[in-house]
Amino acid sequence: RQRQMCIRDSNRANSLRPSDGCRRQQTAWDGPTKHIRQSRSQHHNGHTMKIQRAAMAMIIVFLTFYLLYLGQTLLLPLVIAGAIAYLISILAHAIAKLAYKGFSVPKPLAMFFAIAIILLSLSYLIQLITVNIQSVIKVAPEYQQNLEALFFKAYSFFREGEVPNIREFLNQLDFGAYLQSFGATVRALVSSMGIITVYLIFLLLEQRTFGDKIKAIIRDPKRQEDTFELIDKMRSDIRSYVGIKVLTSTATGLISYLVLKVVGVDFASFWAVLIFLLNFIPTIGSIIATLFPSLLTLVQFPTLGPFIVTISVLTAVQFCIGSLLEPRLMGNRLNLSPIVILLSLGLWGSVWGIPGMFLCVPITVIIMIICSYFPTTRP
């Protein structure tokens, strides 16, 4: 009887135990389920890491711009000196490449010529801007009166009846105050020329030992070769962008100067320099550079002929150089969205004022060029 009870318990246990086929089927089901759980966990972790990286990047960007704002008096001259040093380097590289019957300019002599040309050009531009701003401030009240008369004439032409009180609105448009603010910015930069010159000297001397410092940081010869190759590619792209932009801006400024001089617009040289500077800001700078001299013709001349000629020719020049010539020379890989330009103008303008607005697009493009060579920061 005991033996029969043991046999019965054994049979009952065997009936409750899953068969080999059931075990294989259960294993087949557990495999994909486990894989799905792991993939979901990895996807969740990856999503969390992306959010953390984005948050860290936003915090770093915020802190960076906050420090730039706090250190404006110290960092802005350094950035201006860096821009001048890079212009000197580009011009020296171009002069050294010139060859005539097998003779080329030695690099030290090319650097000397580049420094002399850049510094003389900058001193001439600063003197031209400061002198013309004082002249424009003197005649600004006369221009403002002509603008008021033009508004009244236009209102009386399109509508009949009493002319509204536009004078209060026009009195708020104090052109002299705006020009004085711009002149104060220029004078502040001129007063910082001492520290800019010191920065410039050290940056030019630093270029000679830059390669040795990279070799001291990176000991592996293979990594040194890759690093120098990457730096050369970045430097070539930045040099191409800055060189083409300076060339097209100079051409736009010279042609605009000839047009304004032929029409007889006051302060043609000042407007040509302003057009040259504004041309570094794509789209928005071209619109402002065309609009300002054209509006001046409205308050300077009694007829609409000079205004129509000025705005038509300047618009054609901006379109031909900015939309046809420049993309062919530079390519389409550095195109910036107008929204990005507006955000950059507002951001850098709030951080560094008027100099920041002129520097914002070149700085943004240089950052884009550098980031494009790294997979993690590539847009």
Protein backbone atom coordinates (compact mmCIF):
# COMPACT_ATOMS: atom_id res chain seq x y z
CA ARG A 1 0.00 0.00 0.00
CA GLN A 2 2.81 2.40 0.79
CA ARG A 3 4.40 1.58 -2.55
CA GLN A 4 1.14 2.30 -4.36
CA MET A 5 0.81 5.64 -2.56
CA CYS A 6 4.35 6.60 -3.63
CA ILE A 7 3.61 5.67 -7.26
CA ARG A 8 0.39 7.74 -7.14
CA ASP A 9 2.20 10.84 -5.76
CA SER A 10 4.90 10.50 -8.39
CA ASN A 11 2.37 10.33 -11.21
CA ARG A 12 0.57 13.39 -9.80
CA ALA A 13 3.83 15.38 -9.68
CA ASN A 14 4.68 14.38 -13.24
CA SER A 15 1.26 15.48 -14.44
CA LEU A 16 1.74 18.92 -12.87
CA ARG A 17 5.33 19.36 -14.29
CA PRO A 18 5.40 21.01 -17.75
CA SER A 19 6.50 18.88 -20.61
CA ASP A 20 9.63 19.51 -22.68
CA GLY A 21 7.57 21.04 -25.49
CA CYS A 22 5.89 23.43 -23.09
CA ARG A 23 9.27 24.40 -21.62
CA ARG A 24 10.67 25.09 -25.07
CA GLN A 25 7.63 27.19 -25.97
CA GLN A 26 7.89 29.14 -22.69
CA THR A 27 11.58 29.78 -23.39
CA ALA A 28 10.71 30.96 -26.89
CA TRP A 29 8.19 33.42 -25.43
CA ASP A 30 10.52 34.68 -22.65
CA GLY A 31 13.33 35.52 -25.11
CA PRO A 32 11.55 38.26 -27.15
CA THR A 33 9.81 39.57 -24.04
CA LYS A 34 13.13 40.00 -22.26
CA HIS A 35 14.61 41.66 -25.38
CA ILE A 36 11.65 44.07 -25.59
CA ARG A 37 12.04 44.99 -21.92
CA GLN A 38 15.77 45.61 -22.41
CA SER A 39 15.20 47.72 -25.54
CA ARG A 40 12.54 49.79 -23.77
CA SER A 41 14.87 50.32 -20.83
CA GLN A 42 17.73 51.36 -23.16
CA HIS A 43 15.41 53.70 -25.09
CA HIS A 44 14.21 55.28 -21.85
CA ASN A 45 17.79 55.70 -20.61
CA GLY A 46 18.87 57.20 -23.93
CA HIS A 47 15.94 59.63 -23.91
CA THR A 48 16.78 60.65 -20.35
CA MET A 49 20.43 61.19 -21.29
CA LYS A 50 19.41 63.41 -24.22
CA ILE A 51 17.23 65.55 -21.96
CA GLN A 52 20.06 65.85 -19.43
CA ARG A 53 22.55 66.83 -22.14
CA ALA A 54 20.15 69.44 -23.56
CA ALA A 55 19.57 70.89 -20.09
CA MET A 56 23.31 71.00 -19.38
CA ALA A 57 23.95 72.66 -22.75
CA MET A 58 21.33 75.34 -22.02
CA ILE A 59 22.81 76.00 -18.59
CA ILE A 60 26.33 76.26 -20.05
CA VAL A 61 25.15 78.65 -22.79
CA PHE A 62 23.31 80.82 -20.25
CA LEU A 63 26.32 80.99 -17.93
CA THR A 64 28.64 81.73 -20.86
CA PHE A 65 26.62 84.71 -22.05
CA TYR A 66 26.19 85.92 -18.49
CA LEU A 67 29.97 85.89 -18.03
CA LEU A 68 30.41 87.61 -21.40
CA TYR A 69 28.04 90.34 -20.22
CA LEU A 70 29.85 90.77 -16.92
CA GLY A 71 33.29 90.79 -18.54
CA GLN A 72 32.38 93.11 -21.42
CA THR A 73 35.05 95.70 -20.64
CA LEU A 74 37.75 93.04 -20.59
CA LEU A 75 36.55 90.56 -23.24
CA LEU A 76 35.27 92.88 -25.96
CA PRO A 77 38.72 94.43 -26.64
CA LEU A 78 40.13 90.88 -26.70
CA VAL A 79 37.58 89.77 -29.32
CA ILE A 80 38.22 92.89 -31.42
CA ALA A 81 41.96 92.28 -31.19
CA GLY A 82 41.39 88.66 -32.24
CA ALA A 83 39.37 89.80 -35.26
CA ILE A 84 42.11 92.27 -36.27
CA ALA A 85 44.79 89.61 -35.78
CA TYR A 86 42.86 87.19 -37.98
CA LEU A 87 42.45 89.84 -40.70
CA ILE A 88 46.20 90.45 -40.56
CA SER A 89 46.85 86.71 -40.81
CA ILE A 90 44.54 86.37 -43.83
CA LEU A 91 46.11 89.35 -45.60
CA ALA A 92 49.65 88.13 -44.85
CA HIS A 93 48.73 84.68 -46.20
CA ALA A 94 47.39 86.28 -49.40
CA ILE A 95 50.47 88.50 -49.83
CA ALA A 96 52.83 85.56 -49.28
CA LYS A 97 51.01 83.62 -52.02
CA LEU A 98 51.67 86.34 -54.58
CA ALA A 99 54.46 85.36 -56.97
CA TYR A 100 55.99 87.09 -59.98
CA LYS A 101 58.50 85.27 -62.18
CA GLY A 102 59.36 82.85 -59.40
CA PHE A 103 59.79 85.58 -56.78
CA SER A 104 57.45 85.55 -53.76
CA VAL A 105 57.27 87.79 -50.73
CA PRO A 106 58.90 86.29 -47.60
CA LYS A 107 56.52 85.56 -44.75
CA PRO A 108 58.03 88.10 -42.27
CA LEU A 109 57.82 90.85 -44.90
CA ALA A 110 54.28 89.80 -45.82
CA MET A 111 53.28 89.99 -42.16
CA PHE A 112 54.82 93.48 -41.89
CA PHE A 113 52.92 94.70 -44.96
CA ALA A 114 49.69 93.15 -43.67
CA ILE A 115 50.02 94.81 -40.25
CA ALA A 116 50.74 98.20 -41.85
CA ILE A 117 47.81 97.97 -44.29
CA ILE A 118 45.28 96.81 -41.67
CA LEU A 119 46.29 99.38 -39.05
CA LEU A 120 46.34 102.27 -41.54
CA SER A 121 42.94 101.22 -42.90
CA LEU A 122 41.44 101.00 -39.42
CA SER A 123 42.81 104.40 -38.38
CA TYR A 124 41.41 105.95 -41.57
CA LEU A 125 37.99 104.35 -41.03
CA ILE A 126 37.81 105.48 -37.39
CA GLN A 127 38.79 109.04 -38.31
CA LEU A 128 36.28 109.06 -41.18
CA ILE A 129 33.44 107.83 -38.94
CA THR A 130 34.13 110.26 -36.08
CA VAL A 131 34.45 113.31 -38.38
CA ASN A 132 31.32 112.46 -40.39
CA ILE A 133 29.25 111.75 -37.28
CA GLN A 134 29.98 115.25 -35.99
CA SER A 135 28.98 116.72 -39.36
CA VAL A 136 25.78 114.67 -39.50
CA ILE A 137 24.85 115.73 -35.94
CA LYS A 138 25.16 119.39 -36.97
CA VAL A 139 22.75 119.04 -39.91
CA ALA A 140 20.42 116.53 -38.18
CA PRO A 141 17.91 119.24 -37.05
CA GLU A 142 17.62 120.48 -40.64
CA TYR A 143 17.00 116.94 -41.86
CA GLN A 144 14.38 116.46 -39.18
CA GLN A 145 12.54 119.61 -40.25
CA ASN A 146 12.56 118.45 -43.86
CA LEU A 147 11.21 115.09 -42.71
CA GLU A 148 8.35 116.81 -40.85
CA ALA A 149 7.50 118.85 -43.93
CA LEU A 150 7.56 115.67 -46.02
CA PHE A 151 5.15 113.93 -43.61
CA PHE A 152 2.74 116.87 -43.67
CA LYS A 153 2.88 117.08 -47.45
CA ALA A 154 2.24 113.34 -47.84
CA TYR A 155 -0.70 113.45 -45.38
CA SER A 156 -2.29 116.44 -47.07
CA PHE A 157 -1.92 114.76 -50.46
CA PHE A 158 -3.64 111.51 -49.49
CA ARG A 159 -6.22 112.89 -47.03
CA GLU A 160 -8.17 116.08 -46.65
CA GLY A 161 -8.93 117.84 -43.41
CA GLU A 162 -6.96 118.77 -40.36
CA VAL A 163 -3.45 117.42 -40.15
CA PRO A 164 -3.01 115.32 -36.98
CA ASN A 165 -0.40 116.18 -34.40
CA ILE A 166 2.52 114.32 -35.94
CA ARG A 167 5.07 116.71 -34.51
CA GLU A 168 5.03 115.02 -31.10
CA PHE A 169 5.72 111.69 -32.75
CA LEU A 170 8.52 113.09 -34.90
CA ASN A 171 10.10 114.86 -31.95
CA GLN A 172 10.61 111.44 -30.39
CA LEU A 173 12.70 110.48 -33.44
CA ASP A 174 15.75 112.42 -32.33
CA PHE A 175 18.28 111.51 -35.02
CA GLY A 176 20.95 113.55 -33.33
CA ALA A 177 20.64 111.49 -30.14
CA TYR A 178 20.91 108.24 -32.09
CA LEU A 179 24.01 109.47 -33.90
CA GLN A 180 25.53 110.70 -30.65
CA SER A 181 24.97 107.25 -29.16
CA PHE A 182 26.73 105.67 -32.14
CA GLY A 183 29.53 108.21 -31.86
CA ALA A 184 29.89 107.47 -28.15
CA THR A 185 30.33 103.79 -29.01
CA VAL A 186 33.04 104.63 -31.54
CA ARG A 187 34.80 106.90 -29.05
CA ALA A 188 34.66 104.17 -26.41
CA LEU A 189 36.33 101.78 -28.84
CA VAL A 190 38.94 104.41 -29.67
CA SER A 191 39.63 104.90 -25.97
CA SER A 192 40.17 101.14 -25.69
CA MET A 193 42.79 101.13 -28.46
CA GLY A 194 45.57 100.88 -25.88
CA ILE A 195 44.39 97.57 -24.44
CA ILE A 196 43.37 96.36 -27.93
CA THR A 197 46.92 97.04 -29.14
CA VAL A 198 48.40 95.11 -26.20
CA TYR A 199 46.09 92.16 -26.90
CA LEU A 200 46.94 92.33 -30.60
CA ILE A 201 50.70 92.20 -29.97
CA PHE A 202 50.36 89.16 -27.72
CA LEU A 203 48.02 87.37 -30.16
CA LEU A 204 50.42 87.93 -33.05
CA LEU A 205 53.32 86.64 -30.97
CA GLU A 206 51.21 83.67 -29.85
CA GLN A 207 50.73 82.50 -33.44
CA ARG A 208 54.42 81.56 -33.68
CA THR A 209 54.29 79.15 -30.72
CA PHE A 210 50.80 77.73 -31.27
CA GLY A 211 52.07 74.60 -33.02
CA ASP A 212 54.63 73.85 -30.31
CA LYS A 213 51.96 74.11 -27.62
CA ILE A 214 49.72 71.64 -29.47
CA LYS A 215 52.64 69.21 -29.70
CA ALA A 216 53.30 69.62 -25.98
CA ILE A 217 49.67 68.83 -25.16
CA ILE A 218 49.32 65.87 -27.55
CA ARG A 219 52.26 63.46 -27.37
CA ASP A 220 51.05 60.80 -29.80
CA PRO A 221 52.42 61.55 -33.32
CA LYS A 222 49.34 60.09 -35.04
CA ARG A 223 46.98 62.21 -32.94
CA GLN A 224 49.20 65.25 -33.55
CA GLU A 225 48.90 64.72 -37.30
CA ASP A 226 45.11 64.35 -37.10
CA THR A 227 44.80 67.41 -34.86
CA PHE A 228 46.88 69.63 -37.13
CA GLU A 229 44.94 68.41 -40.17
CA LEU A 230 41.65 69.27 -38.45
CA ILE A 231 42.92 72.70 -37.38
CA ASP A 232 44.14 73.42 -40.93
CA LYS A 233 40.71 72.53 -42.35
CA MET A 234 38.95 74.79 -39.84
CA ARG A 235 41.42 77.59 -40.48
CA SER A 236 40.98 77.24 -44.24
CA ASP A 237 37.18 77.40 -44.00
CA ILE A 238 37.23 80.39 -41.64
CA ARG A 239 39.84 82.14 -43.81
CA SER A 240 37.71 81.56 -46.90
CA TYR A 241 34.58 82.90 -45.22
CA VAL A 242 36.25 86.02 -43.80
CA GLY A 243 38.20 86.72 -47.00
CA ILE A 244 35.15 86.39 -49.26
CA LYS A 245 33.01 88.46 -46.89
CA VAL A 246 35.59 91.26 -46.72
CA LEU A 247 35.98 91.19 -50.51
CA THR A 248 32.24 91.35 -51.25
CA SER A 249 31.63 93.96 -48.54
CA THR A 250 34.43 96.14 -49.93
CA ALA A 251 33.02 95.84 -53.45
CA THR A 252 29.54 96.74 -52.19
CA GLY A 253 30.87 99.74 -50.27
CA LEU A 254 32.91 101.08 -53.21
CA ILE A 255 30.08 100.72 -55.73
CA SER A 256 27.62 102.30 -53.28
CA TYR A 257 30.04 105.19 -52.72
CA LEU A 258 30.21 105.86 -56.47
CA VAL A 259 26.41 105.75 -56.75
CA LEU A 260 25.88 108.10 -53.80
CA LYS A 261 28.58 110.46 -55.06
CA VAL A 262 27.03 110.64 -58.54
CA VAL A 263 23.55 111.29 -57.11
CA GLY A 264 24.98 113.94 -54.77
CA VAL A 265 24.00 112.44 -51.42
CA ASP A 266 25.62 114.11 -48.43
CA PHE A 267 28.34 112.21 -46.54
CA ALA A 268 28.75 109.56 -49.25
CA SER A 269 31.98 108.25 -47.73
CA PHE A 270 30.32 107.79 -44.32
CA TRP A 271 27.41 105.86 -45.81
CA ALA A 272 29.82 103.73 -47.85
CA VAL A 273 31.70 102.73 -44.67
CA LEU A 274 28.40 101.99 -42.92
CA ILE A 275 27.28 99.85 -45.89
CA PHE A 276 30.61 97.99 -45.72
CA LEU A 277 30.07 97.20 -42.03
CA LEU A 278 26.38 96.34 -42.36
CA ASN A 279 27.11 93.96 -45.21
CA PHE A 280 28.60 91.52 -42.66
CA ILE A 281 25.02 91.00 -41.41
CA PRO A 282 23.19 88.94 -44.07
CA THR A 283 19.72 89.99 -45.26
CA ILE A 284 18.96 92.43 -42.44
CA GLY A 285 22.18 94.40 -42.86
CA SER A 286 21.59 94.70 -46.61
CA ILE A 287 18.08 96.08 -46.03
CA ILE A 288 19.31 98.67 -43.51
CA ALA A 289 22.29 99.61 -45.72
CA THR A 290 19.92 100.28 -48.63
CA LEU A 291 17.23 102.05 -46.60
CA PHE A 292 19.29 104.62 -44.68
CA PRO A 293 20.98 106.44 -47.61
CA SER A 294 17.75 106.24 -49.62
CA LEU A 295 15.75 107.89 -46.83
CA LEU A 296 18.39 110.63 -46.63
CA THR A 297 17.65 111.57 -50.24
CA LEU A 298 14.01 112.17 -49.28
CA VAL A 299 14.94 114.85 -46.75
CA GLN A 300 17.87 116.25 -48.75
CA PHE A 301 16.29 116.74 -52.19
CA PRO A 302 12.91 118.36 -52.97
CA THR A 303 12.03 115.81 -55.66
CA LEU A 304 11.61 112.02 -55.66
CA GLY A 305 14.04 111.42 -58.54
CA PRO A 306 17.21 110.98 -56.42
CA PHE A 307 15.32 108.70 -54.02
CA ILE A 308 14.12 106.41 -56.81
CA VAL A 309 17.57 106.26 -58.43
CA THR A 310 19.37 105.64 -55.12
CA ILE A 311 17.09 102.91 -53.79
CA SER A 312 16.88 101.17 -57.19
CA VAL A 313 20.63 101.07 -57.85
CA LEU A 314 21.59 100.18 -54.26
CA THR A 315 19.01 97.37 -54.21
CA ALA A 316 20.39 96.04 -57.52
CA VAL A 317 23.96 96.16 -56.16
CA GLN A 318 22.98 94.35 -52.96
CA PHE A 319 21.08 91.70 -54.92
CA CYS A 320 23.84 91.07 -57.48
CA ILE A 321 26.65 90.84 -54.92
CA GLY A 322 24.77 89.32 -51.97
CA SER A 323 22.47 86.90 -53.82
CA LEU A 324 24.42 86.03 -56.98
CA LEU A 325 28.17 86.58 -56.52
CA GLU A 326 28.63 85.71 -52.85
CA PRO A 327 26.83 82.29 -52.95
CA ARG A 328 28.91 81.29 -55.97
CA LEU A 329 32.13 82.14 -54.14
CA MET A 330 31.14 80.80 -50.72
CA GLY A 331 28.70 78.00 -51.48
CA ASN A 332 25.45 77.22 -49.71
CA ARG A 333 26.85 75.46 -46.64
CA LEU A 334 27.10 78.65 -44.55
CA ASN A 335 23.62 80.01 -45.19
CA LEU A 336 21.98 81.30 -42.03
CA SER A 337 18.25 81.53 -41.44
CA PRO A 338 16.91 85.09 -40.97
CA ILE A 339 15.43 83.94 -37.65
CA VAL A 340 18.89 82.84 -36.48
CA ILE A 341 20.29 86.22 -37.57
CA LEU A 342 17.58 88.11 -35.65
CA LEU A 343 18.17 86.03 -32.53
CA SER A 344 21.93 86.53 -32.82
CA LEU A 345 21.49 90.28 -33.27
CA GLY A 346 19.25 90.55 -30.23
CA LEU A 347 21.42 88.29 -28.08
CA TRP A 348 24.82 89.76 -28.90
CA GLY A 349 23.38 93.28 -28.98
CA SER A 350 22.06 92.87 -25.43
CA VAL A 351 25.43 91.45 -24.32
CA TRP A 352 27.92 93.76 -26.07
CA GLY A 353 25.83 96.56 -27.58
CA ILE A 354 26.51 97.90 -31.09
CA PRO A 355 29.93 96.15 -31.46
CA GLY A 356 28.24 92.86 -30.56
CA MET A 357 25.64 93.39 -33.30
CA PHE A 358 28.39 93.82 -35.90
CA LEU A 359 30.35 90.83 -34.58
CA CYS A 360 27.38 88.47 -34.03
CA VAL A 361 27.13 86.91 -37.51
CA PRO A 362 30.89 86.31 -38.03
CA ILE A 363 31.11 84.78 -34.55
CA THR A 364 28.04 82.60 -35.23
CA VAL A 365 29.44 81.41 -38.57
CA ILE A 366 32.84 80.61 -37.06
CA ILE A 367 31.15 78.60 -34.28
CA MET A 368 29.13 76.74 -36.93
CA ILE A 369 32.29 75.92 -38.90
CA ILE A 370 34.07 74.58 -35.81
CA CYS A 371 31.04 72.56 -34.65
CA SER A 372 30.58 71.01 -38.11
CA TYR A 373 33.84 69.06 -37.72
CA PHE A 374 32.67 67.18 -34.60
CA PRO A 375 29.92 64.52 -34.80
CA THR A 376 28.40 65.40 -31.43
CA THR A 377 28.00 69.11 -32.28
CA ARG A 378 27.29 68.74 -35.98
CA PRO A 379 23.90 70.31 -36.85
